[in-house]
Amino acid sequence: MPIYEYRCPSCSFQKDHLQKMSDEPLTTCPSCGLSGYTKLLSAAAFQLKGSGWYATDFKGNGSGKGSSTGGDTSTSGESASPSAPACAGGCACH
């Protein structure tokens, strides 16, 4: 079940609530009792741990199948144009 973060605009009370996706949103503040208790938009907490497919194939630590292919591509791009970044500036990091 997802955890939703709520905040009251009247008293600024803020709390996380564990709810089913099908549950109706909460509207009454548990602290002051007024209506207007609203769900906040927050980033999801997602982290891949362990030695599964992510760590061995995509993490980029140089020991997996996917990381050696990605390393060859960036090396050839850098040697062709040393002043241009490996991603050619078309990604979100530039």
N, C-alpha and C. Protein backbone atom coordinates (compact mmCIF):
# COMPACT_ATOMS: atom_id res chain seq x y z
N MET A 1 0.85 -1.19 0.00
CA MET A 1 0.00 0.00 0.00
C MET A 1 0.88 1.24 0.00
N PRO A 2 0.49 2.25 -0.76
CA PRO A 2 1.27 3.49 -0.81
C PRO A 2 1.11 4.34 0.45
N ILE A 3 2.11 5.15 0.70
CA ILE A 3 2.09 6.10 1.81
C ILE A 3 1.86 7.48 1.20
N TYR A 4 0.84 8.15 1.66
CA TYR A 4 0.50 9.49 1.17
C TYR A 4 0.80 10.52 2.25
N GLU A 5 1.30 11.66 1.83
CA GLU A 5 1.62 12.74 2.75
C GLU A 5 0.52 13.79 2.67
N TYR A 6 -0.01 14.19 3.83
CA TYR A 6 -1.08 15.17 3.89
C TYR A 6 -0.63 16.37 4.72
N ARG A 7 -1.27 17.52 4.43
CA ARG A 7 -0.97 18.74 5.19
C ARG A 7 -2.24 19.57 5.35
N CYS A 8 -2.36 20.17 6.52
CA CYS A 8 -3.50 21.03 6.81
C CYS A 8 -3.10 22.49 6.55
N PRO A 9 -3.87 23.21 5.72
CA PRO A 9 -3.54 24.62 5.46
C PRO A 9 -3.84 25.54 6.65
N SER A 10 -4.72 25.10 7.55
CA SER A 10 -5.09 25.94 8.68
C SER A 10 -4.06 25.93 9.80
N CYS A 11 -3.65 24.72 10.22
CA CYS A 11 -2.73 24.61 11.37
C CYS A 11 -1.34 24.11 10.98
N SER A 12 -1.12 23.84 9.69
CA SER A 12 0.16 23.36 9.14
C SER A 12 0.57 21.99 9.67
N PHE A 13 -0.39 21.23 10.20
CA PHE A 13 -0.11 19.87 10.63
C PHE A 13 0.17 19.01 9.41
N GLN A 14 1.21 18.18 9.48
CA GLN A 14 1.60 17.34 8.34
C GLN A 14 1.87 15.94 8.83
N LYS A 15 1.34 14.94 8.10
CA LYS A 15 1.50 13.55 8.51
C LYS A 15 1.41 12.63 7.30
N ASP A 16 2.11 11.49 7.38
CA ASP A 16 2.04 10.44 6.37
C ASP A 16 0.94 9.46 6.76
N HIS A 17 0.17 9.01 5.76
CA HIS A 17 -0.91 8.05 5.99
C HIS A 17 -0.76 6.88 5.03
N LEU A 18 -0.87 5.67 5.54
CA LEU A 18 -0.83 4.46 4.74
C LEU A 18 -2.26 4.17 4.28
N GLN A 19 -2.48 4.24 2.96
CA GLN A 19 -3.83 4.05 2.42
C GLN A 19 -3.78 3.18 1.18
N LYS A 20 -4.89 2.53 0.91
CA LYS A 20 -5.04 1.82 -0.36
C LYS A 20 -5.24 2.86 -1.46
N MET A 21 -4.88 2.49 -2.69
CA MET A 21 -5.07 3.42 -3.80
C MET A 21 -6.55 3.69 -4.05
N SER A 22 -7.41 2.74 -3.68
CA SER A 22 -8.85 2.89 -3.90
C SER A 22 -9.54 3.67 -2.78
N ASP A 23 -8.84 3.95 -1.67
CA ASP A 23 -9.43 4.71 -0.56
C ASP A 23 -9.68 6.16 -0.97
N GLU A 24 -10.74 6.73 -0.41
CA GLU A 24 -11.03 8.15 -0.63
C GLU A 24 -9.97 8.99 0.09
N PRO A 25 -9.59 10.13 -0.50
CA PRO A 25 -8.62 11.00 0.18
C PRO A 25 -9.18 11.54 1.49
N LEU A 26 -8.29 11.74 2.46
CA LEU A 26 -8.70 12.30 3.74
C LEU A 26 -8.96 13.79 3.57
N THR A 27 -9.95 14.33 4.27
CA THR A 27 -10.29 15.74 4.14
C THR A 27 -10.30 16.48 5.48
N THR A 28 -10.42 15.76 6.60
CA THR A 28 -10.48 16.39 7.91
C THR A 28 -9.13 16.24 8.62
N CYS A 29 -8.60 17.35 9.10
CA CYS A 29 -7.32 17.36 9.79
C CYS A 29 -7.45 16.64 11.14
N PRO A 30 -6.57 15.66 11.42
CA PRO A 30 -6.64 14.97 12.71
C PRO A 30 -6.18 15.84 13.87
N SER A 31 -5.51 16.95 13.61
CA SER A 31 -5.02 17.81 14.67
C SER A 31 -6.03 18.87 15.08
N CYS A 32 -6.53 19.64 14.12
CA CYS A 32 -7.45 20.73 14.45
C CYS A 32 -8.91 20.42 14.13
N GLY A 33 -9.17 19.38 13.32
CA GLY A 33 -10.54 18.98 13.01
C GLY A 33 -11.18 19.75 11.87
N LEU A 34 -10.48 20.70 11.28
CA LEU A 34 -11.04 21.47 10.18
C LEU A 34 -10.89 20.72 8.86
N SER A 35 -11.76 21.05 7.90
CA SER A 35 -11.64 20.44 6.58
C SER A 35 -10.58 21.18 5.77
N GLY A 36 -10.12 20.57 4.72
CA GLY A 36 -9.09 21.17 3.89
C GLY A 36 -7.78 20.41 3.95
N TYR A 37 -7.76 19.33 4.70
CA TYR A 37 -6.59 18.46 4.81
C TYR A 37 -6.32 17.89 3.42
N THR A 38 -5.19 18.23 2.80
CA THR A 38 -4.95 17.87 1.41
C THR A 38 -3.72 16.99 1.25
N LYS A 39 -3.80 16.17 0.23
CA LYS A 39 -2.70 15.28 -0.13
C LYS A 39 -1.62 16.08 -0.84
N LEU A 40 -0.37 15.88 -0.44
CA LEU A 40 0.75 16.58 -1.06
C LEU A 40 1.36 15.74 -2.17
N LEU A 41 1.97 16.40 -3.09
CA LEU A 41 2.69 15.73 -4.15
C LEU A 41 4.15 15.60 -3.72
N SER A 42 4.63 14.38 -3.61
CA SER A 42 6.00 14.17 -3.17
C SER A 42 6.66 13.10 -4.03
N ALA A 43 7.97 13.12 -4.05
CA ALA A 43 8.73 12.15 -4.84
C ALA A 43 8.65 10.77 -4.21
N ALA A 44 8.60 9.78 -5.05
CA ALA A 44 8.56 8.40 -4.56
C ALA A 44 9.94 7.99 -4.08
N ALA A 45 9.98 7.25 -3.01
CA ALA A 45 11.24 6.73 -2.49
C ALA A 45 11.45 5.35 -3.09
N PHE A 46 12.39 5.24 -4.00
CA PHE A 46 12.62 3.98 -4.69
C PHE A 46 14.12 3.78 -4.80
N GLN A 47 14.60 2.67 -4.26
CA GLN A 47 16.03 2.40 -4.31
C GLN A 47 16.24 0.92 -4.56
N LEU A 48 17.09 0.61 -5.53
CA LEU A 48 17.41 -0.77 -5.83
C LEU A 48 18.65 -1.16 -5.04
N LYS A 49 18.55 -2.25 -4.27
CA LYS A 49 19.66 -2.71 -3.45
C LYS A 49 19.95 -4.17 -3.77
N GLY A 50 21.10 -4.62 -3.35
CA GLY A 50 21.44 -6.03 -3.49
C GLY A 50 22.30 -6.30 -4.70
N SER A 51 22.39 -7.57 -5.04
CA SER A 51 23.25 -7.97 -6.15
C SER A 51 22.44 -8.54 -7.31
N GLY A 52 21.26 -8.03 -7.52
CA GLY A 52 20.38 -8.51 -8.59
C GLY A 52 20.76 -7.96 -9.95
N TRP A 53 19.83 -7.99 -10.87
CA TRP A 53 20.08 -7.59 -12.25
C TRP A 53 20.53 -6.14 -12.38
N TYR A 54 20.03 -5.25 -11.53
CA TYR A 54 20.41 -3.84 -11.63
C TYR A 54 21.91 -3.67 -11.34
N ALA A 55 22.38 -4.26 -10.27
CA ALA A 55 23.79 -4.10 -9.89
C ALA A 55 24.72 -4.78 -10.88
N THR A 56 24.31 -5.90 -11.44
CA THR A 56 25.20 -6.64 -12.34
C THR A 56 25.13 -6.17 -13.78
N ASP A 57 23.99 -5.65 -14.23
CA ASP A 57 23.83 -5.32 -15.64
C ASP A 57 23.76 -3.83 -15.97
N PHE A 58 23.28 -3.00 -15.05
CA PHE A 58 23.02 -1.61 -15.41
C PHE A 58 23.66 -0.56 -14.52
N LYS A 59 24.18 -0.90 -13.38
CA LYS A 59 24.67 0.08 -12.43
C LYS A 59 25.87 0.86 -12.96
N GLY A 60 26.68 0.26 -13.83
CA GLY A 60 27.81 0.97 -14.40
C GLY A 60 29.07 0.88 -13.57
N ASN A 61 29.22 -0.21 -12.80
CA ASN A 61 30.42 -0.36 -11.99
C ASN A 61 31.56 -1.04 -12.75
N GLY A 62 31.36 -1.32 -14.02
CA GLY A 62 32.43 -1.87 -14.84
C GLY A 62 32.55 -3.37 -14.81
N SER A 63 31.71 -4.08 -14.05
CA SER A 63 31.85 -5.52 -13.96
C SER A 63 30.69 -6.29 -14.58
N GLY A 64 29.68 -5.58 -15.12
CA GLY A 64 28.52 -6.27 -15.66
C GLY A 64 28.50 -6.26 -17.17
N LYS A 65 27.50 -6.98 -17.72
CA LYS A 65 27.36 -7.07 -19.18
C LYS A 65 27.02 -5.72 -19.79
N GLY A 66 26.03 -5.02 -19.25
CA GLY A 66 25.57 -3.76 -19.82
C GLY A 66 26.56 -2.62 -19.63
N SER A 67 27.32 -2.64 -18.54
CA SER A 67 28.22 -1.53 -18.29
C SER A 67 29.40 -1.51 -19.25
N SER A 68 29.86 -2.69 -19.71
CA SER A 68 30.99 -2.69 -20.64
C SER A 68 30.55 -2.17 -22.01
N THR A 69 29.32 -2.43 -22.42
CA THR A 69 28.81 -1.91 -23.68
C THR A 69 28.67 -0.39 -23.60
N GLY A 70 28.13 0.12 -22.49
CA GLY A 70 27.98 1.56 -22.31
C GLY A 70 29.32 2.26 -22.24
N GLY A 71 30.32 1.62 -21.65
CA GLY A 71 31.64 2.22 -21.55
C GLY A 71 32.31 2.33 -22.90
N ASP A 72 32.13 1.35 -23.78
CA ASP A 72 32.73 1.40 -25.10
C ASP A 72 32.14 2.53 -25.93
N THR A 73 30.84 2.75 -25.80
CA THR A 73 30.17 3.79 -26.57
C THR A 73 30.67 5.17 -26.15
N SER A 74 30.77 5.43 -24.85
CA SER A 74 31.20 6.75 -24.39
C SER A 74 32.67 6.99 -24.71
N THR A 75 33.50 5.96 -24.67
CA THR A 75 34.92 6.11 -24.96
C THR A 75 35.12 6.51 -26.42
N SER A 76 34.39 5.84 -27.33
CA SER A 76 34.55 6.17 -28.75
C SER A 76 34.00 7.56 -29.04
N GLY A 77 32.94 7.99 -28.34
CA GLY A 77 32.40 9.33 -28.54
C GLY A 77 33.35 10.40 -28.05
N GLU A 78 34.05 10.14 -26.94
CA GLU A 78 34.98 11.11 -26.41
C GLU A 78 36.21 11.23 -27.30
N SER A 79 36.68 10.11 -27.85
CA SER A 79 37.89 10.17 -28.67
C SER A 79 37.61 10.84 -30.01
N ALA A 80 36.39 10.77 -30.51
CA ALA A 80 36.06 11.40 -31.78
C ALA A 80 36.01 12.92 -31.63
N SER A 81 35.50 13.41 -30.52
CA SER A 81 35.41 14.84 -30.28
C SER A 81 35.72 15.10 -28.80
N PRO A 82 36.98 15.42 -28.45
CA PRO A 82 37.35 15.55 -27.06
C PRO A 82 36.64 16.68 -26.32
N SER A 83 36.19 17.72 -27.00
CA SER A 83 35.54 18.83 -26.32
C SER A 83 34.05 18.58 -26.09
N ALA A 84 33.42 17.67 -26.84
CA ALA A 84 32.00 17.38 -26.68
C ALA A 84 31.79 16.35 -25.59
N PRO A 85 30.74 16.50 -24.76
CA PRO A 85 30.45 15.48 -23.76
C PRO A 85 30.04 14.16 -24.41
N ALA A 86 30.16 13.08 -23.66
CA ALA A 86 29.86 11.74 -24.19
C ALA A 86 28.41 11.62 -24.64
N CYS A 87 27.50 12.39 -24.01
CA CYS A 87 26.09 12.30 -24.36
C CYS A 87 25.71 13.30 -25.45
N ALA A 88 26.64 14.06 -25.92
CA ALA A 88 26.44 15.05 -26.99
C ALA A 88 25.51 16.20 -26.56
N GLY A 89 25.32 16.37 -25.28
CA GLY A 89 24.54 17.50 -24.78
C GLY A 89 23.04 17.36 -24.91
N GLY A 90 22.54 16.22 -25.37
CA GLY A 90 21.11 16.05 -25.56
C GLY A 90 20.40 15.44 -24.37
N CYS A 91 21.09 15.27 -23.25
CA CYS A 91 20.45 14.65 -22.09
C CYS A 91 20.11 15.71 -21.04
N ALA A 92 19.52 15.29 -19.96
CA ALA A 92 19.09 16.22 -18.92
C ALA A 92 20.25 16.70 -18.04
N CYS A 93 21.43 16.10 -18.18
CA CYS A 93 22.55 16.49 -17.31
C CYS A 93 23.27 17.74 -17.83
N HIS A 94 22.94 18.25 -18.98
CA HIS A 94 23.61 19.44 -19.52
C HIS A 94 22.68 20.61 -19.69
